[in-house]
Amino acid sequence: MSTDLFHRSGRLRKGYHREQVEDFLDRAKQVWDAGGPPGAVTSWHVRTVGFDLRRDGYDIGAVDEALDRIEDAFVSREERAGPNSWREAEEGVLARLQRGDGTRFPRGRALGLGYRVGEVDALTARIRDHLVLGRPLAVDEVRTSVFRAGRGSRGYREAPVDAFLDRVVDVMRRRGSG
């Protein structure tokens, strides 16, 4: 009897690392059931989580669909509880910026298009320099940033990058910077 949460991708195809998926879902369920603690897992965490790819991993589409439903549930709860403090948003942005180049966001899938990793990393370095060191950066430079396409693993998935940049814009506006 199988205890897998999702169908597996098979031996010839890669899917999400099963243990990473299960660990994240366990943590999200614990936070959901407890009603907190605040910031431990939010809709943003669900939207931007990334997993390593492994042969015989969990089917990517099935996991992504489940994550979409979980994100929607967290969004609803967050809206009922009131807006997150901007300090929590800023802490999330700074945590993401601490990740190394090439590891800040989930990579693209197979032949799908995403944003070129180097271009996104260059902008995130400028954002870090602005938020941490006070170097000049206009909100509009972040808001209107455009990246060339990167195919497959040479690109970051677009949705997590876009969500992050939205949060950066919000943080910068609330700070009155840029």
N, C-alpha and C. Protein backbone atom coordinates (compact mmCIF):
# COMPACT_ATOMS: atom_id res chain seq x y z
N MET A 1 0.84 -1.19 0.00
CA MET A 1 0.00 0.00 0.00
C MET A 1 0.88 1.24 0.00
N SER A 2 0.65 2.13 -0.94
CA SER A 2 1.46 3.33 -1.09
C SER A 2 0.95 4.44 -0.17
N THR A 3 1.87 5.18 0.40
CA THR A 3 1.50 6.31 1.25
C THR A 3 1.85 7.64 0.58
N ASP A 4 2.12 7.60 -0.72
CA ASP A 4 2.47 8.82 -1.44
C ASP A 4 1.30 9.80 -1.44
N LEU A 5 1.60 11.07 -1.30
CA LEU A 5 0.57 12.11 -1.32
C LEU A 5 0.11 12.43 -2.73
N PHE A 6 1.00 12.24 -3.71
CA PHE A 6 0.71 12.57 -5.10
C PHE A 6 1.23 11.45 -5.99
N HIS A 7 0.77 11.44 -7.24
CA HIS A 7 1.33 10.51 -8.21
C HIS A 7 2.79 10.84 -8.41
N ARG A 8 3.57 9.81 -8.71
CA ARG A 8 4.99 10.02 -8.99
C ARG A 8 5.21 10.30 -10.47
N SER A 9 6.30 10.99 -10.76
CA SER A 9 6.62 11.36 -12.13
C SER A 9 7.15 10.19 -12.95
N GLY A 10 7.63 9.17 -12.30
CA GLY A 10 8.18 8.01 -13.00
C GLY A 10 9.70 8.04 -13.00
N ARG A 11 10.28 6.93 -13.36
CA ARG A 11 11.74 6.80 -13.30
C ARG A 11 12.46 7.59 -14.38
N LEU A 12 11.77 7.87 -15.48
CA LEU A 12 12.41 8.56 -16.59
C LEU A 12 12.20 10.07 -16.57
N ARG A 13 11.26 10.52 -15.77
CA ARG A 13 10.96 11.95 -15.69
C ARG A 13 11.25 12.46 -14.29
N LYS A 14 11.57 13.72 -14.23
CA LYS A 14 11.82 14.33 -12.93
C LYS A 14 10.54 14.93 -12.37
N GLY A 15 10.45 14.88 -11.06
CA GLY A 15 9.35 15.49 -10.34
C GLY A 15 9.91 16.15 -9.09
N TYR A 16 9.02 16.73 -8.31
CA TYR A 16 9.46 17.39 -7.08
C TYR A 16 9.96 16.37 -6.06
N HIS A 17 11.03 16.74 -5.39
CA HIS A 17 11.62 15.92 -4.33
C HIS A 17 10.53 15.60 -3.30
N ARG A 18 10.21 14.32 -3.15
CA ARG A 18 9.07 13.91 -2.33
C ARG A 18 9.22 14.36 -0.87
N GLU A 19 10.36 14.15 -0.28
CA GLU A 19 10.56 14.48 1.13
C GLU A 19 10.43 15.99 1.37
N GLN A 20 10.95 16.80 0.44
CA GLN A 20 10.83 18.26 0.59
C GLN A 20 9.37 18.69 0.52
N VAL A 21 8.62 18.12 -0.41
CA VAL A 21 7.20 18.44 -0.53
C VAL A 21 6.47 18.07 0.75
N GLU A 22 6.69 16.85 1.22
CA GLU A 22 6.01 16.38 2.43
C GLU A 22 6.37 17.24 3.64
N ASP A 23 7.65 17.60 3.78
CA ASP A 23 8.07 18.44 4.91
C ASP A 23 7.38 19.80 4.87
N PHE A 24 7.34 20.41 3.68
CA PHE A 24 6.70 21.72 3.57
C PHE A 24 5.21 21.61 3.87
N LEU A 25 4.55 20.62 3.31
CA LEU A 25 3.12 20.47 3.54
C LEU A 25 2.81 20.18 5.01
N ASP A 26 3.65 19.40 5.66
CA ASP A 26 3.48 19.14 7.10
C ASP A 26 3.59 20.44 7.89
N ARG A 27 4.60 21.25 7.57
CA ARG A 27 4.80 22.52 8.28
C ARG A 27 3.60 23.45 8.04
N ALA A 28 3.14 23.53 6.79
CA ALA A 28 2.00 24.38 6.47
C ALA A 28 0.75 23.92 7.22
N LYS A 29 0.54 22.61 7.29
CA LYS A 29 -0.64 22.08 8.00
C LYS A 29 -0.56 22.39 9.49
N GLN A 30 0.62 22.24 10.08
CA GLN A 30 0.77 22.54 11.50
C GLN A 30 0.46 24.01 11.78
N VAL A 31 0.97 24.90 10.93
CA VAL A 31 0.71 26.33 11.11
C VAL A 31 -0.77 26.62 10.91
N TRP A 32 -1.37 25.99 9.89
CA TRP A 32 -2.79 26.21 9.62
C TRP A 32 -3.63 25.75 10.80
N ASP A 33 -3.38 24.55 11.29
CA ASP A 33 -4.17 23.99 12.39
C ASP A 33 -4.03 24.82 13.66
N ALA A 34 -2.84 25.38 13.88
CA ALA A 34 -2.60 26.17 15.09
C ALA A 34 -3.06 27.62 14.93
N GLY A 35 -3.39 28.02 13.71
CA GLY A 35 -3.79 29.41 13.49
C GLY A 35 -2.60 30.36 13.53
N GLY A 36 -1.43 29.88 13.42
CA GLY A 36 -0.20 30.69 13.48
C GLY A 36 0.95 29.76 13.72
N PRO A 37 2.05 30.14 14.23
CA PRO A 37 2.38 31.50 14.63
C PRO A 37 2.53 32.43 13.43
N PRO A 38 2.26 33.70 13.63
CA PRO A 38 2.29 34.66 12.53
C PRO A 38 3.63 34.61 11.79
N GLY A 39 3.54 34.59 10.48
CA GLY A 39 4.73 34.64 9.66
C GLY A 39 5.43 33.33 9.45
N ALA A 40 5.04 32.26 10.19
CA ALA A 40 5.72 30.97 10.06
C ALA A 40 5.52 30.40 8.66
N VAL A 41 4.30 30.39 8.19
CA VAL A 41 3.96 30.04 6.81
C VAL A 41 2.81 30.95 6.42
N THR A 42 3.00 31.69 5.34
CA THR A 42 1.98 32.59 4.84
C THR A 42 1.67 32.21 3.39
N SER A 43 0.69 32.89 2.81
CA SER A 43 0.38 32.66 1.41
C SER A 43 1.61 32.92 0.54
N TRP A 44 2.40 33.88 0.92
CA TRP A 44 3.62 34.18 0.16
C TRP A 44 4.58 33.00 0.19
N HIS A 45 4.75 32.38 1.34
CA HIS A 45 5.63 31.21 1.43
C HIS A 45 5.14 30.08 0.52
N VAL A 46 3.83 29.87 0.52
CA VAL A 46 3.26 28.82 -0.32
C VAL A 46 3.47 29.15 -1.79
N ARG A 47 3.26 30.41 -2.16
CA ARG A 47 3.40 30.83 -3.55
C ARG A 47 4.83 30.72 -4.05
N THR A 48 5.79 30.93 -3.19
CA THR A 48 7.19 31.01 -3.64
C THR A 48 8.04 29.80 -3.27
N VAL A 49 7.46 28.79 -2.67
CA VAL A 49 8.25 27.63 -2.28
C VAL A 49 8.82 26.95 -3.53
N GLY A 50 9.99 26.42 -3.41
CA GLY A 50 10.60 25.67 -4.50
C GLY A 50 11.14 24.34 -3.99
N PHE A 51 11.12 23.36 -4.86
CA PHE A 51 11.59 22.02 -4.50
C PHE A 51 12.61 21.56 -5.53
N ASP A 52 13.55 20.76 -5.08
CA ASP A 52 14.51 20.16 -6.00
C ASP A 52 13.79 19.16 -6.89
N LEU A 53 14.36 18.94 -8.07
CA LEU A 53 13.79 17.96 -8.99
C LEU A 53 14.55 16.65 -8.86
N ARG A 54 13.81 15.55 -8.83
CA ARG A 54 14.39 14.21 -8.71
C ARG A 54 13.61 13.25 -9.61
N ARG A 55 14.30 12.27 -10.12
CA ARG A 55 13.61 11.21 -10.85
C ARG A 55 12.68 10.49 -9.87
N ASP A 56 11.52 10.11 -10.34
CA ASP A 56 10.52 9.42 -9.53
C ASP A 56 10.01 10.31 -8.39
N GLY A 57 10.08 11.62 -8.59
CA GLY A 57 9.53 12.55 -7.60
C GLY A 57 8.04 12.69 -7.78
N TYR A 58 7.46 13.60 -7.02
CA TYR A 58 6.03 13.85 -7.14
C TYR A 58 5.74 14.61 -8.42
N ASP A 59 4.62 14.28 -9.05
CA ASP A 59 4.19 14.94 -10.27
C ASP A 59 4.09 16.45 -10.04
N ILE A 60 4.78 17.22 -10.85
CA ILE A 60 4.87 18.67 -10.68
C ILE A 60 3.50 19.33 -10.77
N GLY A 61 2.74 18.97 -11.78
CA GLY A 61 1.42 19.59 -11.96
C GLY A 61 0.49 19.35 -10.79
N ALA A 62 0.50 18.13 -10.27
CA ALA A 62 -0.38 17.79 -9.15
C ALA A 62 0.02 18.57 -7.89
N VAL A 63 1.31 18.66 -7.63
CA VAL A 63 1.78 19.41 -6.46
C VAL A 63 1.45 20.89 -6.62
N ASP A 64 1.70 21.45 -7.80
CA ASP A 64 1.41 22.87 -8.03
C ASP A 64 -0.08 23.18 -7.86
N GLU A 65 -0.95 22.28 -8.32
CA GLU A 65 -2.39 22.49 -8.13
C GLU A 65 -2.75 22.49 -6.64
N ALA A 66 -2.16 21.58 -5.89
CA ALA A 66 -2.43 21.53 -4.45
C ALA A 66 -1.91 22.80 -3.77
N LEU A 67 -0.73 23.25 -4.18
CA LEU A 67 -0.17 24.47 -3.59
C LEU A 67 -1.04 25.68 -3.90
N ASP A 68 -1.63 25.72 -5.09
CA ASP A 68 -2.54 26.82 -5.44
C ASP A 68 -3.74 26.84 -4.51
N ARG A 69 -4.30 25.67 -4.22
CA ARG A 69 -5.45 25.60 -3.31
C ARG A 69 -5.05 26.01 -1.88
N ILE A 70 -3.88 25.57 -1.45
CA ILE A 70 -3.41 25.92 -0.10
C ILE A 70 -3.14 27.42 -0.01
N GLU A 71 -2.53 27.97 -1.06
CA GLU A 71 -2.28 29.42 -1.07
C GLU A 71 -3.59 30.19 -0.95
N ASP A 72 -4.61 29.78 -1.71
CA ASP A 72 -5.90 30.46 -1.65
C ASP A 72 -6.48 30.44 -0.24
N ALA A 73 -6.33 29.32 0.44
CA ALA A 73 -6.83 29.21 1.82
C ALA A 73 -6.08 30.16 2.75
N PHE A 74 -4.76 30.23 2.61
CA PHE A 74 -3.97 31.14 3.45
C PHE A 74 -4.32 32.60 3.14
N VAL A 75 -4.52 32.93 1.85
CA VAL A 75 -4.89 34.30 1.47
C VAL A 75 -6.20 34.68 2.15
N SER A 76 -7.18 33.79 2.10
CA SER A 76 -8.48 34.08 2.73
C SER A 76 -8.33 34.33 4.22
N ARG A 77 -7.55 33.49 4.86
CA ARG A 77 -7.34 33.66 6.31
C ARG A 77 -6.63 34.98 6.60
N GLU A 78 -5.62 35.30 5.80
CA GLU A 78 -4.86 36.54 6.01
C GLU A 78 -5.74 37.76 5.80
N GLU A 79 -6.62 37.71 4.81
CA GLU A 79 -7.52 38.84 4.56
C GLU A 79 -8.49 39.04 5.72
N ARG A 80 -8.97 37.94 6.29
CA ARG A 80 -9.87 38.04 7.45
C ARG A 80 -9.15 38.58 8.67
N ALA A 81 -7.88 38.21 8.83
CA ALA A 81 -7.12 38.62 10.01
C ALA A 81 -6.59 40.05 9.89
N GLY A 82 -6.63 40.63 8.71
CA GLY A 82 -6.10 41.96 8.50
C GLY A 82 -4.76 41.88 7.80
N PRO A 83 -4.31 42.99 7.26
CA PRO A 83 -3.06 42.98 6.50
C PRO A 83 -1.86 42.67 7.38
N ASN A 84 -0.92 41.94 6.80
CA ASN A 84 0.33 41.67 7.51
C ASN A 84 1.07 42.98 7.73
N SER A 85 1.80 43.04 8.79
CA SER A 85 2.56 44.26 9.03
C SER A 85 3.64 44.41 7.97
N TRP A 86 3.97 45.61 7.66
CA TRP A 86 4.99 45.82 6.62
C TRP A 86 6.35 45.35 7.11
N ARG A 87 6.54 45.30 8.40
CA ARG A 87 7.81 44.78 8.94
C ARG A 87 7.97 43.30 8.57
N GLU A 88 6.90 42.52 8.66
CA GLU A 88 6.97 41.11 8.27
C GLU A 88 7.29 40.99 6.79
N ALA A 89 6.68 41.85 5.98
CA ALA A 89 6.95 41.83 4.54
C ALA A 89 8.42 42.16 4.28
N GLU A 90 8.93 43.15 4.98
CA GLU A 90 10.33 43.54 4.80
C GLU A 90 11.27 42.42 5.24
N GLU A 91 10.95 41.75 6.32
CA GLU A 91 11.79 40.63 6.78
C GLU A 91 11.80 39.51 5.74
N GLY A 92 10.66 39.24 5.12
CA GLY A 92 10.59 38.23 4.08
C GLY A 92 11.43 38.60 2.87
N VAL A 93 11.37 39.86 2.48
CA VAL A 93 12.18 40.34 1.35
C VAL A 93 13.66 40.19 1.66
N LEU A 94 14.06 40.64 2.83
CA LEU A 94 15.48 40.57 3.20
C LEU A 94 15.97 39.12 3.30
N ALA A 95 15.12 38.24 3.78
CA ALA A 95 15.50 36.82 3.85
C ALA A 95 15.73 36.25 2.46
N ARG A 96 14.86 36.59 1.51
CA ARG A 96 15.02 36.10 0.13
C ARG A 96 16.31 36.66 -0.48
N LEU A 97 16.63 37.91 -0.17
CA LEU A 97 17.82 38.54 -0.74
C LEU A 97 19.10 37.92 -0.20
N GLN A 98 19.06 37.28 0.95
CA GLN A 98 20.25 36.65 1.52
C GLN A 98 20.64 35.38 0.78
N ARG A 99 19.72 34.81 0.02
CA ARG A 99 20.05 33.61 -0.73
C ARG A 99 21.09 33.95 -1.80
N GLY A 100 21.89 32.98 -2.16
CA GLY A 100 22.95 33.19 -3.14
C GLY A 100 22.43 33.31 -4.56
N ASP A 101 23.27 33.90 -5.42
CA ASP A 101 22.92 34.00 -6.83
C ASP A 101 22.57 32.63 -7.37
N GLY A 102 21.55 32.59 -8.18
CA GLY A 102 21.12 31.35 -8.80
C GLY A 102 20.21 30.49 -7.94
N THR A 103 19.97 30.93 -6.69
CA THR A 103 19.15 30.11 -5.78
C THR A 103 18.00 30.88 -5.14
N ARG A 104 17.74 32.09 -5.59
CA ARG A 104 16.73 32.92 -4.93
C ARG A 104 15.30 32.51 -5.22
N PHE A 105 15.08 31.85 -6.37
CA PHE A 105 13.74 31.49 -6.78
C PHE A 105 13.75 30.10 -7.40
N PRO A 106 12.58 29.48 -7.50
CA PRO A 106 12.51 28.18 -8.18
C PRO A 106 12.86 28.34 -9.66
N ARG A 107 13.54 27.34 -10.19
CA ARG A 107 13.93 27.35 -11.60
C ARG A 107 12.77 26.93 -12.48
N GLY A 108 12.88 27.29 -13.77
CA GLY A 108 11.87 26.94 -14.76
C GLY A 108 11.79 25.44 -14.98
N ARG A 109 10.77 25.05 -15.70
CA ARG A 109 10.52 23.64 -15.97
C ARG A 109 10.85 23.31 -17.41
N ALA A 110 11.47 22.18 -17.62
CA ALA A 110 11.74 21.59 -18.94
C ALA A 110 11.96 22.64 -20.01
N LEU A 111 11.05 22.73 -20.95
CA LEU A 111 11.20 23.67 -22.06
C LEU A 111 10.45 24.98 -21.84
N GLY A 112 9.87 25.14 -20.66
CA GLY A 112 9.13 26.36 -20.37
C GLY A 112 10.03 27.57 -20.28
N LEU A 113 9.44 28.73 -20.46
CA LEU A 113 10.19 29.97 -20.39
C LEU A 113 10.06 30.60 -19.01
N GLY A 114 11.12 31.24 -18.58
CA GLY A 114 11.14 31.98 -17.33
C GLY A 114 11.98 33.22 -17.53
N TYR A 115 12.41 33.81 -16.44
CA TYR A 115 13.27 34.99 -16.51
C TYR A 115 14.73 34.56 -16.37
N ARG A 116 15.61 35.16 -17.15
CA ARG A 116 17.03 34.81 -17.08
C ARG A 116 17.55 35.03 -15.67
N VAL A 117 18.20 34.01 -15.17
CA VAL A 117 18.68 34.00 -13.79
C VAL A 117 19.62 35.17 -13.52
N GLY A 118 20.60 35.38 -14.39
CA GLY A 118 21.59 36.44 -14.17
C GLY A 118 20.98 37.82 -14.11
N GLU A 119 19.97 38.06 -14.94
CA GLU A 119 19.32 39.37 -14.95
C GLU A 119 18.51 39.61 -13.67
N VAL A 120 17.80 38.58 -13.24
CA VAL A 120 17.03 38.70 -12.00
C VAL A 120 17.98 38.88 -10.82
N ASP A 121 19.07 38.09 -10.78
CA ASP A 121 20.03 38.22 -9.69
C ASP A 121 20.69 39.60 -9.66
N ALA A 122 20.92 40.18 -10.83
CA ALA A 122 21.51 41.53 -10.88
C ALA A 122 20.55 42.55 -10.25
N LEU A 123 19.26 42.43 -10.56
CA LEU A 123 18.29 43.35 -9.96
C LEU A 123 18.18 43.11 -8.46
N THR A 124 18.15 41.86 -8.04
CA THR A 124 18.03 41.59 -6.60
C THR A 124 19.25 42.10 -5.84
N ALA A 125 20.41 42.10 -6.47
CA ALA A 125 21.61 42.68 -5.83
C ALA A 125 21.43 44.18 -5.64
N ARG A 126 20.85 44.84 -6.63
CA ARG A 126 20.60 46.28 -6.51
C ARG A 126 19.56 46.56 -5.43
N ILE A 127 18.54 45.69 -5.36
CA ILE A 127 17.51 45.85 -4.32
C ILE A 127 18.15 45.69 -2.94
N ARG A 128 18.98 44.66 -2.79
CA ARG A 128 19.67 44.44 -1.51
C ARG A 128 20.52 45.65 -1.14
N ASP A 129 21.28 46.16 -2.09
CA ASP A 129 22.12 47.33 -1.82
C ASP A 129 21.28 48.53 -1.42
N HIS A 130 20.12 48.66 -2.00
CA HIS A 130 19.22 49.77 -1.65
C HIS A 130 18.67 49.60 -0.23
N LEU A 131 18.12 48.43 0.05
CA LEU A 131 17.46 48.21 1.33
C LEU A 131 18.45 48.12 2.49
N VAL A 132 19.61 47.54 2.24
CA VAL A 132 20.57 47.32 3.33
C VAL A 132 21.57 48.47 3.45
N LEU A 133 22.07 48.94 2.31
CA LEU A 133 23.13 49.95 2.31
C LEU A 133 22.64 51.37 1.99
N GLY A 134 21.39 51.48 1.58
CA GLY A 134 20.85 52.80 1.27
C GLY A 134 21.24 53.34 -0.10
N ARG A 135 21.73 52.50 -0.98
CA ARG A 135 22.09 52.96 -2.33
C ARG A 135 20.83 53.33 -3.10
N PRO A 136 20.94 54.30 -4.00
CA PRO A 136 19.75 54.77 -4.73
C PRO A 136 19.14 53.68 -5.63
N LEU A 137 17.83 53.61 -5.60
CA LEU A 137 17.06 52.74 -6.49
C LEU A 137 15.62 53.24 -6.45
N ALA A 138 15.08 53.56 -7.61
CA ALA A 138 13.72 54.07 -7.69
C ALA A 138 12.72 52.92 -7.69
N VAL A 139 11.59 53.15 -7.06
CA VAL A 139 10.52 52.16 -7.03
C VAL A 139 10.14 51.77 -8.46
N ASP A 140 10.08 52.74 -9.35
CA ASP A 140 9.69 52.45 -10.73
C ASP A 140 10.69 51.55 -11.45
N GLU A 141 11.96 51.60 -11.05
CA GLU A 141 12.94 50.69 -11.66
C GLU A 141 12.61 49.24 -11.32
N VAL A 142 12.11 49.01 -10.13
CA VAL A 142 11.72 47.66 -9.73
C VAL A 142 10.38 47.31 -10.37
N ARG A 143 9.44 48.23 -10.27
CA ARG A 143 8.08 47.98 -10.76
C ARG A 143 8.03 47.71 -12.26
N THR A 144 8.88 48.37 -13.02
CA THR A 144 8.83 48.23 -14.48
C THR A 144 9.96 47.37 -15.04
N SER A 145 10.64 46.65 -14.19
CA SER A 145 11.76 45.83 -14.66
C SER A 145 11.29 44.77 -15.64
N VAL A 146 12.14 44.51 -16.63
CA VAL A 146 11.84 43.53 -17.68
C VAL A 146 13.07 42.64 -17.80
N PHE A 147 12.83 41.35 -17.97
CA PHE A 147 13.91 40.38 -18.10
C PHE A 147 13.76 39.61 -19.40
N ARG A 148 14.88 39.26 -19.98
CA ARG A 148 14.84 38.40 -21.16
C ARG A 148 14.48 36.98 -20.71
N ALA A 149 13.99 36.22 -21.67
CA ALA A 149 13.54 34.86 -21.38
C ALA A 149 14.72 33.92 -21.20
N GLY A 150 14.58 33.01 -20.25
CA GLY A 150 15.52 31.92 -20.04
C GLY A 150 14.74 30.62 -20.09
N ARG A 151 15.16 29.70 -20.90
CA ARG A 151 14.43 28.45 -21.09
C ARG A 151 14.82 27.42 -20.02
N GLY A 152 13.81 26.73 -19.51
CA GLY A 152 14.03 25.64 -18.56
C GLY A 152 14.77 26.09 -17.32
N SER A 153 15.77 25.34 -16.93
CA SER A 153 16.49 25.63 -15.69
C SER A 153 17.41 26.84 -15.81
N ARG A 154 17.54 27.40 -17.00
CA ARG A 154 18.33 28.63 -17.16
C ARG A 154 17.51 29.86 -16.80
N GLY A 155 16.26 29.64 -16.42
CA GLY A 155 15.40 30.75 -16.02
C GLY A 155 14.75 30.49 -14.69
N TYR A 156 14.42 31.57 -13.99
CA TYR A 156 13.60 31.46 -12.79
C TYR A 156 12.14 31.44 -13.22
N ARG A 157 11.31 30.72 -12.48
CA ARG A 157 9.87 30.75 -12.75
C ARG A 157 9.37 32.17 -12.56
N GLU A 158 8.51 32.60 -13.45
CA GLU A 158 8.07 33.99 -13.47
C GLU A 158 7.22 34.37 -12.26
N ALA A 159 6.27 33.54 -11.89
CA ALA A 159 5.32 33.91 -10.83
C ALA A 159 6.00 34.23 -9.50
N PRO A 160 6.94 33.41 -9.02
CA PRO A 160 7.59 33.76 -7.75
C PRO A 160 8.41 35.05 -7.84
N VAL A 161 9.06 35.28 -9.00
CA VAL A 161 9.83 36.52 -9.17
C VAL A 161 8.88 37.72 -9.15
N ASP A 162 7.79 37.62 -9.89
CA ASP A 162 6.83 38.72 -9.95
C ASP A 162 6.24 39.02 -8.57
N ALA A 163 5.89 37.97 -7.83
CA ALA A 163 5.33 38.16 -6.48
C ALA A 163 6.35 38.83 -5.57
N PHE A 164 7.60 38.40 -5.67
CA PHE A 164 8.66 39.00 -4.86
C PHE A 164 8.82 40.48 -5.20
N LEU A 165 8.86 40.80 -6.48
CA LEU A 165 9.05 42.20 -6.88
C LEU A 165 7.87 43.06 -6.43
N ASP A 166 6.66 42.50 -6.43
CA ASP A 166 5.50 43.23 -5.91
C ASP A 166 5.70 43.56 -4.44
N ARG A 167 6.22 42.59 -3.71
CA ARG A 167 6.46 42.80 -2.28
C ARG A 167 7.57 43.83 -2.05
N VAL A 168 8.60 43.80 -2.90
CA VAL A 168 9.68 44.79 -2.80
C VAL A 168 9.13 46.19 -3.01
N VAL A 169 8.31 46.35 -4.04
CA VAL A 169 7.71 47.66 -4.32
C VAL A 169 6.92 48.14 -3.11
N ASP A 170 6.13 47.25 -2.51
CA ASP A 170 5.36 47.61 -1.32
C ASP A 170 6.27 48.05 -0.18
N VAL A 171 7.33 47.29 0.07
CA VAL A 171 8.28 47.63 1.13
C VAL A 171 8.93 48.98 0.87
N MET A 172 9.37 49.19 -0.37
CA MET A 172 10.02 50.47 -0.70
C MET A 172 9.07 51.64 -0.52
N ARG A 173 7.83 51.48 -0.93
CA ARG A 173 6.85 52.57 -0.77
C ARG A 173 6.57 52.86 0.69
N ARG A 174 6.42 51.81 1.47
CA ARG A 174 6.14 52.00 2.90
C ARG A 174 7.32 52.64 3.61
N ARG A 175 8.53 52.34 3.16
CA ARG A 175 9.73 52.95 3.71
C ARG A 175 9.87 54.40 3.27
N GLY A 176 9.19 54.73 2.17
CA GLY A 176 9.36 56.07 1.60
C GLY A 176 10.66 56.19 0.84
N SER A 177 11.21 55.05 0.42
CA SER A 177 12.48 55.08 -0.30
C SER A 177 12.25 54.91 -1.78
N GLY A 178 13.20 55.37 -2.55
CA GLY A 178 13.16 55.22 -4.00
C GLY A 178 12.20 56.17 -4.59
